[in-house]
Amino acid sequence: MGANRGENSPLREAALIIVDVQNDFCPGGSLAVPEGDQVVPVINKLAPLFPVVVATQDWHPANHCSFQAQGGPWPPHCVQGSTGAQLHPAVDRQHITAYVKKGVLPNKDAYSGFEGTDEAGRTLAELLRQRGVKEIYVTGLATDYCVRATALDGLKEGFKVHVVTDAVRGVNVKPGDDQRALEEMRAAGAFLKTSAEILSGAGVGEAVGASAYAESPQ
């Protein structure tokens, strides 16, 4: 595919963040995001371009506070060690350099990838800085929840943040929640880009799919 991950790559100080592309958030899962699995081919085409690729996972105990049985808003999902908590099987794992798990404590919910840690106990911000990352490209599920929270926290942590609009999908509890979330992220300083723009800028051929929603901050 001719991906350029070397010193001259425009993405040499960038990381791809794959947010919660887990079985329970994809069609057939307990908290399925409509068309959630359609982000996978876009992510798989982008991943080889990045020197750092981090996958986040909801990783909840069975009695997690976000579950309806404990008074939370959601059905049980992404229970630690379950099939539902695993990444979608079509996600190409060969380029993933780190996994960050979040929502691991019973009494604390966590939407943002920056609230999780890797196996060594490093936060997402810590592991990104250790790798010299200055900008992040956020993909995954769901636009109006964990993608939104991760992008906004990335800005707060001082990273330049891009949201890949054709590599995210929304829950849309209220119609249009995903578009409102994109506007909120853009207004906060995130750049909205399509995979086509990223692949073109990296000197790679045409993208998988494209979104008309690709404005940059004004």
Protein backbone atom coordinates (compact mmCIF):
# COMPACT_ATOMS: atom_id res chain seq x y z
CA MET A 1 0.00 0.00 0.00
CA GLY A 2 3.05 2.24 0.04
CA ALA A 3 2.49 3.57 3.54
CA ASN A 4 5.12 5.97 4.78
CA ARG A 5 5.85 5.54 8.49
CA GLY A 6 9.41 6.89 8.37
CA GLU A 7 11.13 10.10 9.38
CA ASN A 8 9.63 12.05 6.47
CA SER A 9 6.06 10.93 7.03
CA PRO A 10 3.59 13.72 7.82
CA LEU A 11 2.23 11.36 10.49
CA ARG A 12 5.58 10.63 12.16
CA GLU A 13 4.46 12.36 15.40
CA ALA A 14 0.88 11.12 15.19
CA ALA A 15 -1.08 8.27 16.73
CA LEU A 16 -4.22 6.56 15.55
CA ILE A 17 -6.69 6.00 18.40
CA ILE A 18 -9.18 3.18 17.82
CA VAL A 19 -11.96 3.78 20.33
CA ASP A 20 -13.97 0.79 21.55
CA VAL A 21 -14.46 -1.13 18.30
CA GLN A 22 -15.69 -4.07 20.36
CA ASN A 23 -18.18 -6.83 19.62
CA ASP A 24 -20.82 -5.49 22.01
CA PHE A 25 -20.82 -2.14 20.18
CA CYS A 26 -21.16 -3.72 16.73
CA PRO A 27 -24.25 -5.25 15.10
CA GLY A 28 -25.36 -8.27 17.14
CA GLY A 29 -23.81 -6.93 20.33
CA SER A 30 -25.62 -6.02 23.53
CA LEU A 31 -25.20 -2.26 22.97
CA ALA A 32 -24.85 -2.16 19.20
CA VAL A 33 -24.08 1.12 17.46
CA PRO A 34 -25.89 1.27 14.10
CA GLU A 35 -23.39 0.44 11.35
CA GLY A 36 -20.68 0.16 14.00
CA ASP A 37 -18.80 -2.50 12.06
CA GLN A 38 -18.55 -0.23 9.02
CA VAL A 39 -15.73 1.72 10.65
CA VAL A 40 -13.47 -1.34 10.56
CA PRO A 41 -12.33 -1.28 6.90
CA VAL A 42 -11.60 2.44 7.14
CA ILE A 43 -9.53 1.94 10.31
CA ASN A 44 -7.69 -0.99 8.76
CA LYS A 45 -6.66 1.15 5.81
CA LEU A 46 -5.42 3.99 8.04
CA ALA A 47 -3.55 1.96 10.65
CA PRO A 48 -0.43 1.15 8.57
CA LEU A 49 0.27 4.89 8.19
CA PHE A 50 0.82 5.49 11.91
CA PRO A 51 3.89 4.68 14.03
CA VAL A 52 1.64 4.47 17.10
CA VAL A 53 -1.79 2.81 17.10
CA VAL A 54 -3.71 2.52 20.36
CA ALA A 55 -6.93 0.54 20.78
CA THR A 56 -9.16 1.40 23.74
CA GLN A 57 -11.61 -1.05 25.27
CA ASP A 58 -14.46 -0.74 27.72
CA TRP A 59 -13.53 -3.40 30.28
CA HIS A 60 -16.27 -3.54 32.88
CA PRO A 61 -16.81 -5.75 35.92
CA ALA A 62 -20.13 -7.60 35.89
CA ASN A 63 -21.58 -5.20 38.48
CA HIS A 64 -20.49 -1.99 36.77
CA CYS A 65 -22.31 1.19 37.76
CA SER A 66 -23.30 1.99 34.15
CA PHE A 67 -25.41 -1.18 33.90
CA GLN A 68 -29.16 -0.93 34.32
CA ALA A 69 -29.19 -3.51 37.14
CA GLN A 70 -27.04 -1.07 39.14
CA GLY A 71 -29.19 1.92 38.22
CA GLY A 72 -27.14 2.97 35.20
CA PRO A 73 -28.39 3.84 31.71
CA TRP A 74 -27.02 0.90 29.71
CA PRO A 75 -27.56 -2.85 29.36
CA PRO A 76 -24.58 -5.00 30.40
CA HIS A 77 -21.79 -4.65 27.86
CA CYS A 78 -18.07 -5.29 27.45
CA VAL A 79 -17.81 -7.38 30.61
CA GLN A 80 -14.20 -8.22 31.43
CA GLY A 81 -13.05 -11.36 29.60
CA SER A 82 -16.26 -11.78 27.62
CA THR A 83 -16.56 -12.18 23.86
CA GLY A 84 -18.47 -8.91 23.79
CA ALA A 85 -15.48 -7.08 25.24
CA GLN A 86 -13.10 -8.29 22.54
CA LEU A 87 -12.25 -6.19 19.51
CA HIS A 88 -14.34 -6.87 16.43
CA PRO A 89 -12.70 -9.85 14.70
CA ALA A 90 -12.16 -7.93 11.46
CA VAL A 91 -9.96 -5.30 13.14
CA ASP A 92 -6.41 -5.81 11.86
CA ARG A 93 -4.37 -6.10 15.05
CA GLN A 94 -0.90 -6.27 13.50
CA HIS A 95 -0.39 -2.49 13.65
CA ILE A 96 -1.78 -1.97 17.18
CA THR A 97 1.07 -0.94 19.49
CA ALA A 98 -0.88 -0.61 22.77
CA TYR A 99 -4.22 -1.46 24.36
CA VAL A 100 -5.88 0.80 26.92
CA LYS A 101 -8.69 -0.50 29.12
CA LYS A 102 -11.20 1.79 30.81
CA GLY A 103 -14.19 1.54 33.10
CA VAL A 104 -12.50 -1.26 35.03
CA LEU A 105 -13.75 -0.25 38.50
CA PRO A 106 -17.31 -1.07 39.61
CA ASN A 107 -18.21 2.41 40.83
CA LYS A 108 -16.58 4.61 38.19
CA ASP A 109 -17.61 5.00 34.59
CA ALA A 110 -15.16 6.16 31.95
CA TYR A 111 -16.04 7.27 28.44
CA SER A 112 -12.69 8.79 27.50
CA GLY A 113 -9.70 6.72 26.47
CA PHE A 114 -7.64 9.14 28.54
CA GLU A 115 -9.28 7.72 31.67
CA GLY A 116 -7.91 4.24 30.98
CA THR A 117 -4.51 2.59 31.38
CA ASP A 118 -2.40 0.04 29.54
CA GLU A 119 -1.01 -3.19 31.00
CA ALA A 120 1.90 -1.27 32.53
CA GLY A 121 -0.45 1.14 34.29
CA ARG A 122 0.34 4.06 31.99
CA THR A 123 -2.42 6.45 31.07
CA LEU A 124 -3.08 7.10 27.41
CA ALA A 125 -1.49 10.55 27.70
CA GLU A 126 1.62 9.09 29.30
CA LEU A 127 2.18 6.39 26.71
CA LEU A 128 1.58 8.85 23.85
CA ARG A 129 4.10 11.32 25.25
CA GLN A 130 6.63 8.55 25.79
CA ARG A 131 6.38 7.80 22.08
CA GLY A 132 6.78 11.47 21.09
CA VAL A 133 3.21 11.80 19.85
CA LYS A 134 1.95 15.35 19.33
CA GLU A 135 -1.27 14.76 17.43
CA ILE A 136 -3.95 12.09 17.49
CA TYR A 137 -6.45 10.83 14.94
CA VAL A 138 -9.56 9.53 16.67
CA THR A 139 -11.70 6.76 15.17
CA GLY A 140 -14.23 4.23 16.48
CA LEU A 141 -17.36 4.08 18.59
CA ALA A 142 -19.41 5.95 19.45
CA THR A 143 -19.21 9.47 18.05
CA ASP A 144 -21.52 10.95 20.67
CA TYR A 145 -20.00 9.19 23.69
CA CYS A 146 -16.51 7.70 23.88
CA VAL A 147 -15.15 9.25 20.68
CA ARG A 148 -16.39 12.66 21.82
CA ALA A 149 -14.94 12.25 25.32
CA THR A 150 -11.60 11.00 24.00
CA ALA A 151 -11.25 13.84 21.50
CA LEU A 152 -12.15 16.52 24.05
CA ASP A 153 -9.75 15.08 26.62
CA GLY A 154 -7.04 14.89 23.98
CA LEU A 155 -7.40 18.62 23.44
CA LYS A 156 -7.24 19.24 27.19
CA GLU A 157 -4.03 17.19 27.32
CA GLY A 158 -2.48 19.45 24.70
CA PHE A 159 -2.58 17.17 21.67
CA LYS A 160 -3.63 18.31 18.23
CA VAL A 161 -6.79 16.29 17.61
CA HIS A 162 -8.30 15.08 14.35
CA VAL A 163 -11.58 13.14 14.20
CA VAL A 164 -11.90 10.85 11.18
CA THR A 165 -15.51 11.41 10.20
CA ASP A 166 -15.99 8.29 8.08
CA ALA A 167 -14.34 6.10 10.74
CA VAL A 168 -16.83 6.92 13.52
CA ARG A 169 -20.50 6.12 14.10
CA GLY A 170 -22.98 7.41 16.66
CA VAL A 171 -25.51 5.88 19.04
CA ASN A 172 -27.98 8.71 18.40
CA VAL A 173 -30.21 8.22 21.44
CA LYS A 174 -31.63 11.49 20.17
CA PRO A 175 -31.55 11.88 16.38
CA GLY A 176 -28.59 14.00 15.34
CA ASP A 177 -26.55 13.41 18.49
CA ASP A 178 -23.59 12.34 16.38
CA GLN A 179 -23.61 15.52 14.29
CA ARG A 180 -23.95 17.67 17.40
CA ALA A 181 -20.99 15.85 18.92
CA LEU A 182 -18.90 16.50 15.81
CA GLU A 183 -19.81 20.19 15.99
CA GLU A 184 -18.88 20.28 19.67
CA MET A 185 -15.51 18.69 18.96
CA ARG A 186 -14.86 21.06 16.07
CA ALA A 187 -15.81 24.09 18.16
CA ALA A 188 -13.43 22.92 20.90
CA GLY A 189 -10.53 22.86 18.44
CA ALA A 190 -10.56 19.42 16.83
CA PHE A 191 -10.12 19.05 13.09
CA LEU A 192 -12.70 16.95 11.22
CA LYS A 193 -11.17 14.98 8.36
CA THR A 194 -12.11 12.12 6.09
CA SER A 195 -9.91 9.09 5.57
CA ALA A 196 -9.52 10.21 1.94
CA GLU A 197 -7.87 13.44 3.07
CA ILE A 198 -5.53 11.60 5.44
CA LEU A 199 -4.55 8.97 2.89
CA SER A 200 -4.00 11.61 0.22
CA GLY A 201 -1.83 13.69 2.56
CA ALA A 202 0.24 10.62 3.39
CA GLY A 203 0.83 9.83 -0.27
CA VAL A 204 -1.46 6.80 -0.37
CA GLY A 205 -4.18 5.96 -2.88
CA GLU A 206 -7.91 6.44 -2.53
CA ALA A 207 -9.72 5.84 0.75
CA VAL A 208 -12.47 3.50 1.81
CA GLY A 209 -15.63 5.58 1.79
CA ALA A 210 -15.82 9.28 2.50
CA SER A 211 -17.94 11.64 4.52
CA ALA A 212 -19.23 15.00 3.39
CA TYR A 213 -18.81 16.15 6.97
CA ALA A 214 -15.20 17.24 6.93
CA GLU A 215 -14.85 20.81 8.10
CA SER A 216 -11.85 22.13 9.97
CA PRO A 217 -12.15 24.53 12.89
CA GLN A 218 -12.99 28.05 11.79
